[in-house]
Amino acid sequence: MTTYEGGCHCGRVRFRVEADLARVTECNCSMCTMKGFLHVIVPPAQFQLLSGEDALTVYEFNTRTAKHKFCRHCGIHPFYLPRSDPDKIDVNVRCLDGVDPARLAPLPFDGRHWEEAIAQNRPWDPDPGIPIRRRRDD
């Protein structure tokens, strides 16, 4: 596990997260595709909001389980509470300082068929039955 810091575009929202980027996931649902979100899901104990709680606003849709948090000033979605794991924090890897997403090999998740996919494939869970793909240059 590595500790990263990150935030939104305007800098009002800042956070620290302890995460393993070997299980970064890319979902093809309409929301994640439009936002370009690359997921790393962590327990709350591995996430700390450093600043900007007052700058965050929330968007909910469909089941209203997911809490899509974004900066009300710049519109960037640095993290949210995911429908798949509402007791965890889903961090947008693209918002981590010093991380080049082009060097990662995200694991796919078929969010277009969410109900079927979640029952069969949770690539972000550390399950030995799901192989971990390494960075693209490994």
N, C-alpha and C. Protein backbone atom coordinates (compact mmCIF):
# COMPACT_ATOMS: atom_id res chain seq x y z
N MET A 1 0.84 -1.19 0.00
CA MET A 1 0.00 0.00 0.00
C MET A 1 0.88 1.25 0.00
N THR A 2 0.41 2.22 -0.72
CA THR A 2 1.11 3.49 -0.82
C THR A 2 0.15 4.60 -0.40
N THR A 3 0.70 5.64 0.21
CA THR A 3 -0.11 6.80 0.58
C THR A 3 0.00 7.85 -0.52
N TYR A 4 -1.16 8.33 -0.95
CA TYR A 4 -1.24 9.35 -2.00
C TYR A 4 -2.03 10.53 -1.46
N GLU A 5 -1.78 11.69 -2.05
CA GLU A 5 -2.64 12.84 -1.83
C GLU A 5 -3.24 13.21 -3.16
N GLY A 6 -4.39 13.87 -3.10
CA GLY A 6 -5.05 14.26 -4.33
C GLY A 6 -6.09 15.31 -4.05
N GLY A 7 -6.81 15.69 -5.09
CA GLY A 7 -7.85 16.69 -4.91
C GLY A 7 -8.52 17.05 -6.21
N CYS A 8 -9.31 18.09 -6.12
CA CYS A 8 -10.05 18.58 -7.29
C CYS A 8 -9.18 19.56 -8.08
N HIS A 9 -9.70 20.07 -9.17
CA HIS A 9 -8.95 20.96 -10.05
C HIS A 9 -8.62 22.30 -9.41
N CYS A 10 -9.57 22.89 -8.69
CA CYS A 10 -9.34 24.22 -8.10
C CYS A 10 -8.56 24.16 -6.79
N GLY A 11 -8.40 22.95 -6.22
CA GLY A 11 -7.61 22.78 -5.01
C GLY A 11 -8.37 22.95 -3.70
N ARG A 12 -9.64 23.26 -3.77
CA ARG A 12 -10.41 23.42 -2.53
C ARG A 12 -10.60 22.08 -1.80
N VAL A 13 -10.79 21.01 -2.57
CA VAL A 13 -10.96 19.67 -2.00
C VAL A 13 -9.62 18.96 -2.06
N ARG A 14 -9.11 18.56 -0.91
CA ARG A 14 -7.86 17.82 -0.82
C ARG A 14 -8.08 16.61 0.08
N PHE A 15 -7.42 15.50 -0.24
CA PHE A 15 -7.56 14.28 0.55
C PHE A 15 -6.26 13.49 0.54
N ARG A 16 -6.17 12.53 1.44
CA ARG A 16 -5.06 11.59 1.52
C ARG A 16 -5.68 10.20 1.53
N VAL A 17 -5.07 9.27 0.80
CA VAL A 17 -5.60 7.91 0.72
C VAL A 17 -4.45 6.91 0.72
N GLU A 18 -4.65 5.80 1.39
CA GLU A 18 -3.71 4.69 1.37
C GLU A 18 -4.35 3.64 0.46
N ALA A 19 -3.67 3.33 -0.66
CA ALA A 19 -4.30 2.45 -1.66
C ALA A 19 -3.26 1.63 -2.41
N ASP A 20 -3.74 0.56 -2.99
CA ASP A 20 -2.97 -0.30 -3.88
C ASP A 20 -3.54 -0.11 -5.28
N LEU A 21 -2.77 0.45 -6.18
CA LEU A 21 -3.27 0.74 -7.52
C LEU A 21 -3.25 -0.47 -8.46
N ALA A 22 -2.91 -1.65 -7.93
CA ALA A 22 -2.92 -2.86 -8.76
C ALA A 22 -4.34 -3.26 -9.15
N ARG A 23 -5.34 -2.80 -8.41
CA ARG A 23 -6.73 -3.17 -8.70
C ARG A 23 -7.57 -1.98 -9.13
N VAL A 24 -6.95 -1.02 -9.79
CA VAL A 24 -7.71 0.10 -10.35
C VAL A 24 -8.70 -0.48 -11.34
N THR A 25 -9.91 0.02 -11.28
CA THR A 25 -10.99 -0.50 -12.11
C THR A 25 -11.56 0.59 -13.00
N GLU A 26 -11.93 0.20 -14.22
CA GLU A 26 -12.59 1.10 -15.15
C GLU A 26 -13.97 0.54 -15.46
N CYS A 27 -14.99 1.32 -15.15
CA CYS A 27 -16.38 0.93 -15.37
C CYS A 27 -16.89 1.60 -16.64
N ASN A 28 -17.72 0.88 -17.37
CA ASN A 28 -18.25 1.43 -18.63
C ASN A 28 -19.70 1.92 -18.51
N CYS A 29 -20.18 2.14 -17.28
CA CYS A 29 -21.54 2.68 -17.14
C CYS A 29 -21.56 4.12 -17.66
N SER A 30 -22.75 4.65 -17.85
CA SER A 30 -22.87 6.00 -18.41
C SER A 30 -22.20 7.05 -17.53
N MET A 31 -22.34 6.96 -16.22
CA MET A 31 -21.76 7.94 -15.32
C MET A 31 -20.23 7.90 -15.34
N CYS A 32 -19.66 6.73 -15.19
CA CYS A 32 -18.20 6.61 -15.14
C CYS A 32 -17.57 6.94 -16.48
N THR A 33 -18.23 6.54 -17.56
CA THR A 33 -17.71 6.83 -18.90
C THR A 33 -17.68 8.33 -19.13
N MET A 34 -18.75 9.02 -18.78
CA MET A 34 -18.80 10.46 -19.00
C MET A 34 -17.81 11.21 -18.13
N LYS A 35 -17.59 10.72 -16.90
CA LYS A 35 -16.65 11.39 -15.99
C LYS A 35 -15.21 10.97 -16.23
N GLY A 36 -14.99 9.83 -16.86
CA GLY A 36 -13.63 9.32 -17.02
C GLY A 36 -13.05 8.80 -15.72
N PHE A 37 -13.91 8.33 -14.84
CA PHE A 37 -13.52 7.89 -13.50
C PHE A 37 -12.72 6.60 -13.56
N LEU A 38 -11.57 6.57 -12.90
CA LEU A 38 -10.81 5.34 -12.66
C LEU A 38 -10.89 5.07 -11.16
N HIS A 39 -11.39 3.91 -10.79
CA HIS A 39 -11.76 3.60 -9.41
C HIS A 39 -10.67 2.88 -8.63
N VAL A 40 -10.50 3.30 -7.39
CA VAL A 40 -9.81 2.50 -6.38
C VAL A 40 -10.65 2.66 -5.11
N ILE A 41 -11.17 1.54 -4.63
CA ILE A 41 -12.11 1.54 -3.50
C ILE A 41 -11.36 1.15 -2.23
N VAL A 42 -11.53 1.98 -1.19
CA VAL A 42 -10.82 1.76 0.07
C VAL A 42 -11.78 1.87 1.26
N PRO A 43 -11.43 1.22 2.37
CA PRO A 43 -12.21 1.41 3.59
C PRO A 43 -12.02 2.85 4.09
N PRO A 44 -12.99 3.38 4.83
CA PRO A 44 -12.88 4.75 5.33
C PRO A 44 -11.61 5.01 6.16
N ALA A 45 -11.10 3.99 6.84
CA ALA A 45 -9.89 4.16 7.65
C ALA A 45 -8.67 4.50 6.80
N GLN A 46 -8.73 4.23 5.49
CA GLN A 46 -7.61 4.51 4.59
C GLN A 46 -7.81 5.81 3.82
N PHE A 47 -8.82 6.58 4.18
CA PHE A 47 -9.13 7.84 3.49
C PHE A 47 -9.27 8.96 4.49
N GLN A 48 -8.68 10.10 4.18
CA GLN A 48 -8.81 11.26 5.05
C GLN A 48 -9.07 12.50 4.19
N LEU A 49 -10.18 13.15 4.42
CA LEU A 49 -10.48 14.41 3.75
C LEU A 49 -9.70 15.50 4.48
N LEU A 50 -8.78 16.15 3.78
CA LEU A 50 -7.92 17.15 4.40
C LEU A 50 -8.55 18.53 4.41
N SER A 51 -9.27 18.84 3.33
CA SER A 51 -9.92 20.15 3.24
C SER A 51 -11.02 20.11 2.19
N GLY A 52 -11.94 21.05 2.30
CA GLY A 52 -12.95 21.22 1.27
C GLY A 52 -14.28 20.56 1.49
N GLU A 53 -14.55 20.07 2.68
CA GLU A 53 -15.86 19.44 2.89
C GLU A 53 -16.99 20.41 2.53
N ASP A 54 -16.80 21.67 2.82
CA ASP A 54 -17.82 22.67 2.52
C ASP A 54 -17.92 22.98 1.02
N ALA A 55 -16.94 22.55 0.23
CA ALA A 55 -16.96 22.76 -1.22
C ALA A 55 -17.63 21.62 -1.96
N LEU A 56 -17.92 20.53 -1.27
CA LEU A 56 -18.50 19.35 -1.91
C LEU A 56 -20.02 19.43 -1.98
N THR A 57 -20.54 18.94 -3.07
CA THR A 57 -21.98 18.75 -3.22
C THR A 57 -22.19 17.33 -3.73
N VAL A 58 -23.42 16.85 -3.69
CA VAL A 58 -23.69 15.44 -4.00
C VAL A 58 -24.73 15.31 -5.09
N TYR A 59 -24.48 14.36 -6.00
CA TYR A 59 -25.45 14.00 -7.02
C TYR A 59 -25.86 12.55 -6.78
N GLU A 60 -27.17 12.28 -6.81
CA GLU A 60 -27.69 10.92 -6.66
C GLU A 60 -28.65 10.64 -7.81
N PHE A 61 -28.73 9.39 -8.21
CA PHE A 61 -29.70 8.99 -9.23
C PHE A 61 -30.03 7.52 -9.05
N ASN A 62 -30.96 7.02 -9.82
CA ASN A 62 -31.35 5.61 -9.83
C ASN A 62 -31.71 5.15 -8.41
N THR A 63 -30.92 4.26 -7.81
CA THR A 63 -31.24 3.74 -6.47
C THR A 63 -30.93 4.74 -5.36
N ARG A 64 -30.19 5.78 -5.67
CA ARG A 64 -29.77 6.82 -4.73
C ARG A 64 -28.82 6.28 -3.65
N THR A 65 -28.26 5.10 -3.88
CA THR A 65 -27.32 4.52 -2.93
C THR A 65 -25.97 5.21 -3.06
N ALA A 66 -25.49 5.35 -4.29
CA ALA A 66 -24.21 6.02 -4.51
C ALA A 66 -24.36 7.51 -4.23
N LYS A 67 -23.35 8.07 -3.61
CA LYS A 67 -23.31 9.51 -3.32
C LYS A 67 -22.14 10.09 -4.12
N HIS A 68 -22.45 10.60 -5.31
CA HIS A 68 -21.44 11.14 -6.22
C HIS A 68 -21.06 12.54 -5.76
N LYS A 69 -19.93 12.63 -5.07
CA LYS A 69 -19.48 13.92 -4.53
C LYS A 69 -18.61 14.64 -5.55
N PHE A 70 -18.84 15.93 -5.67
CA PHE A 70 -18.00 16.73 -6.57
C PHE A 70 -17.86 18.13 -6.03
N CYS A 71 -16.80 18.80 -6.46
CA CYS A 71 -16.54 20.16 -6.02
C CYS A 71 -17.52 21.09 -6.71
N ARG A 72 -18.24 21.86 -5.93
CA ARG A 72 -19.24 22.78 -6.50
C ARG A 72 -18.61 23.96 -7.20
N HIS A 73 -17.29 24.15 -7.05
CA HIS A 73 -16.59 25.26 -7.70
C HIS A 73 -16.03 24.87 -9.06
N CYS A 74 -15.34 23.73 -9.13
CA CYS A 74 -14.70 23.33 -10.40
C CYS A 74 -15.37 22.13 -11.07
N GLY A 75 -16.27 21.44 -10.35
CA GLY A 75 -17.02 20.34 -10.94
C GLY A 75 -16.32 18.99 -10.97
N ILE A 76 -15.12 18.90 -10.44
CA ILE A 76 -14.38 17.63 -10.47
C ILE A 76 -14.89 16.68 -9.38
N HIS A 77 -14.94 15.39 -9.74
CA HIS A 77 -15.42 14.31 -8.86
C HIS A 77 -14.21 13.54 -8.32
N PRO A 78 -13.62 13.98 -7.21
CA PRO A 78 -12.42 13.29 -6.72
C PRO A 78 -12.68 11.97 -6.00
N PHE A 79 -13.87 11.80 -5.44
CA PHE A 79 -14.21 10.55 -4.74
C PHE A 79 -15.72 10.52 -4.53
N TYR A 80 -16.23 9.34 -4.17
CA TYR A 80 -17.66 9.21 -3.86
C TYR A 80 -17.91 7.96 -3.05
N LEU A 81 -19.14 7.79 -2.59
CA LEU A 81 -19.55 6.58 -1.89
C LEU A 81 -20.24 5.70 -2.91
N PRO A 82 -19.64 4.55 -3.26
CA PRO A 82 -20.15 3.74 -4.37
C PRO A 82 -21.35 2.85 -4.01
N ARG A 83 -22.17 2.62 -4.98
CA ARG A 83 -23.31 1.71 -4.82
C ARG A 83 -22.83 0.30 -4.51
N SER A 84 -21.73 -0.12 -5.13
CA SER A 84 -21.21 -1.48 -4.92
C SER A 84 -20.75 -1.72 -3.49
N ASP A 85 -20.21 -0.69 -2.86
CA ASP A 85 -19.64 -0.78 -1.51
C ASP A 85 -19.95 0.51 -0.76
N PRO A 86 -21.21 0.73 -0.36
CA PRO A 86 -21.58 2.02 0.23
C PRO A 86 -20.91 2.33 1.58
N ASP A 87 -20.23 1.33 2.14
CA ASP A 87 -19.50 1.54 3.39
C ASP A 87 -18.04 1.91 3.14
N LYS A 88 -17.67 2.15 1.87
CA LYS A 88 -16.28 2.46 1.51
C LYS A 88 -16.23 3.77 0.72
N ILE A 89 -15.02 4.17 0.38
CA ILE A 89 -14.79 5.38 -0.40
C ILE A 89 -14.18 4.95 -1.73
N ASP A 90 -14.73 5.46 -2.82
CA ASP A 90 -14.21 5.19 -4.16
C ASP A 90 -13.50 6.44 -4.64
N VAL A 91 -12.19 6.33 -4.77
CA VAL A 91 -11.35 7.47 -5.14
C VAL A 91 -11.08 7.45 -6.64
N ASN A 92 -11.15 8.62 -7.25
CA ASN A 92 -10.83 8.76 -8.67
C ASN A 92 -9.32 8.85 -8.81
N VAL A 93 -8.72 7.80 -9.35
CA VAL A 93 -7.27 7.72 -9.50
C VAL A 93 -6.74 8.90 -10.33
N ARG A 94 -7.54 9.42 -11.24
CA ARG A 94 -7.13 10.57 -12.05
C ARG A 94 -6.93 11.83 -11.20
N CYS A 95 -7.42 11.82 -9.97
CA CYS A 95 -7.28 12.98 -9.08
C CYS A 95 -6.12 12.83 -8.09
N LEU A 96 -5.33 11.76 -8.21
CA LEU A 96 -4.19 11.56 -7.33
C LEU A 96 -2.97 12.30 -7.86
N ASP A 97 -2.29 13.02 -6.99
CA ASP A 97 -1.09 13.75 -7.38
C ASP A 97 0.01 12.78 -7.82
N GLY A 98 0.65 13.07 -8.93
CA GLY A 98 1.81 12.31 -9.36
C GLY A 98 1.53 10.94 -9.95
N VAL A 99 0.29 10.57 -10.15
CA VAL A 99 -0.05 9.27 -10.74
C VAL A 99 -0.38 9.47 -12.21
N ASP A 100 0.30 8.72 -13.07
CA ASP A 100 0.05 8.78 -14.51
C ASP A 100 -0.89 7.64 -14.88
N PRO A 101 -2.17 7.93 -15.13
CA PRO A 101 -3.12 6.86 -15.45
C PRO A 101 -2.73 6.04 -16.68
N ALA A 102 -1.95 6.60 -17.58
CA ALA A 102 -1.53 5.87 -18.77
C ALA A 102 -0.59 4.72 -18.43
N ARG A 103 0.01 4.76 -17.25
CA ARG A 103 0.91 3.68 -16.82
C ARG A 103 0.18 2.56 -16.08
N LEU A 104 -1.12 2.70 -15.90
CA LEU A 104 -1.92 1.69 -15.21
C LEU A 104 -2.64 0.81 -16.22
N ALA A 105 -3.01 -0.37 -15.79
CA ALA A 105 -3.80 -1.28 -16.62
C ALA A 105 -5.10 -1.57 -15.87
N PRO A 106 -6.10 -0.68 -16.01
CA PRO A 106 -7.33 -0.86 -15.24
C PRO A 106 -8.04 -2.17 -15.55
N LEU A 107 -8.61 -2.76 -14.51
CA LEU A 107 -9.42 -3.96 -14.65
C LEU A 107 -10.82 -3.54 -15.09
N PRO A 108 -11.42 -4.23 -16.05
CA PRO A 108 -12.74 -3.80 -16.55
C PRO A 108 -13.88 -4.25 -15.64
N PHE A 109 -14.90 -3.40 -15.58
CA PHE A 109 -16.16 -3.75 -14.92
C PHE A 109 -17.29 -3.33 -15.85
N ASP A 110 -18.21 -4.25 -16.12
CA ASP A 110 -19.31 -3.98 -17.06
C ASP A 110 -20.47 -3.29 -16.36
N GLY A 111 -20.30 -2.01 -16.09
CA GLY A 111 -21.33 -1.24 -15.42
C GLY A 111 -22.57 -0.99 -16.26
N ARG A 112 -22.47 -1.19 -17.57
CA ARG A 112 -23.66 -1.06 -18.43
C ARG A 112 -24.69 -2.14 -18.08
N HIS A 113 -24.20 -3.24 -17.55
CA HIS A 113 -25.05 -4.36 -17.11
C HIS A 113 -24.76 -4.60 -15.63
N TRP A 114 -24.95 -3.56 -14.82
CA TRP A 114 -24.52 -3.52 -13.44
C TRP A 114 -25.03 -4.69 -12.61
N GLU A 115 -26.31 -4.97 -12.65
CA GLU A 115 -26.88 -6.03 -11.80
C GLU A 115 -26.22 -7.39 -12.07
N GLU A 116 -26.05 -7.73 -13.34
CA GLU A 116 -25.43 -9.00 -13.69
C GLU A 116 -23.94 -9.00 -13.35
N ALA A 117 -23.27 -7.88 -13.65
CA ALA A 117 -21.82 -7.79 -13.45
C ALA A 117 -21.44 -7.84 -11.97
N ILE A 118 -22.19 -7.16 -11.12
CA ILE A 118 -21.83 -7.12 -9.71
C ILE A 118 -21.96 -8.50 -9.07
N ALA A 119 -22.84 -9.34 -9.58
CA ALA A 119 -23.01 -10.69 -9.05
C ALA A 119 -21.87 -11.62 -9.47
N GLN A 120 -21.18 -11.27 -10.56
CA GLN A 120 -20.16 -12.16 -11.11
C GLN A 120 -18.74 -11.65 -10.97
N ASN A 121 -18.55 -10.32 -10.95
CA ASN A 121 -17.22 -9.78 -11.12
C ASN A 121 -17.04 -8.52 -10.29
N ARG A 122 -16.22 -8.60 -9.26
CA ARG A 122 -15.88 -7.43 -8.46
C ARG A 122 -14.36 -7.30 -8.52
N PRO A 123 -13.82 -6.77 -9.60
CA PRO A 123 -12.37 -6.77 -9.80
C PRO A 123 -11.59 -5.98 -8.76
N TRP A 124 -12.24 -5.09 -8.04
CA TRP A 124 -11.56 -4.29 -7.02
C TRP A 124 -11.37 -5.06 -5.73
N ASP A 125 -12.07 -6.17 -5.53
CA ASP A 125 -11.90 -6.97 -4.32
C ASP A 125 -10.64 -7.82 -4.44
N PRO A 126 -9.88 -7.94 -3.35
CA PRO A 126 -8.66 -8.76 -3.39
C PRO A 126 -8.99 -10.25 -3.34
N ASP A 127 -9.54 -10.77 -4.41
CA ASP A 127 -9.94 -12.17 -4.51
C ASP A 127 -8.88 -12.91 -5.31
N PRO A 128 -8.31 -13.99 -4.76
CA PRO A 128 -7.26 -14.70 -5.49
C PRO A 128 -7.74 -15.30 -6.82
N GLY A 129 -9.05 -15.41 -7.01
CA GLY A 129 -9.56 -15.95 -8.26
C GLY A 129 -9.56 -14.96 -9.41
N ILE A 130 -9.29 -13.69 -9.10
CA ILE A 130 -9.26 -12.67 -10.14
C ILE A 130 -7.81 -12.22 -10.31
N PRO A 131 -7.22 -12.44 -11.48
CA PRO A 131 -5.81 -12.07 -11.67
C PRO A 131 -5.64 -10.55 -11.63
N ILE A 132 -4.51 -10.14 -11.10
CA ILE A 132 -4.16 -8.72 -11.08
C ILE A 132 -3.28 -8.44 -12.30
N ARG A 133 -3.72 -7.46 -13.07
CA ARG A 133 -2.88 -7.00 -14.18
C ARG A 133 -2.00 -5.89 -13.65
N ARG A 134 -0.78 -5.91 -14.05
CA ARG A 134 0.17 -4.89 -13.59
C ARG A 134 0.15 -3.69 -14.52
N ARG A 135 0.98 -2.72 -14.20
CA ARG A 135 1.08 -1.53 -15.04
C ARG A 135 1.42 -1.93 -16.47
N ARG A 136 1.09 -1.08 -17.39
CA ARG A 136 1.28 -1.37 -18.80
C ARG A 136 2.74 -1.55 -19.19
N ASP A 137 3.67 -0.98 -18.43
CA ASP A 137 5.08 -1.10 -18.79
C ASP A 137 5.78 -2.25 -18.10
N ASP A 138 5.08 -3.06 -17.32
CA ASP A 138 5.70 -4.20 -16.64
C ASP A 138 5.82 -5.39 -17.57
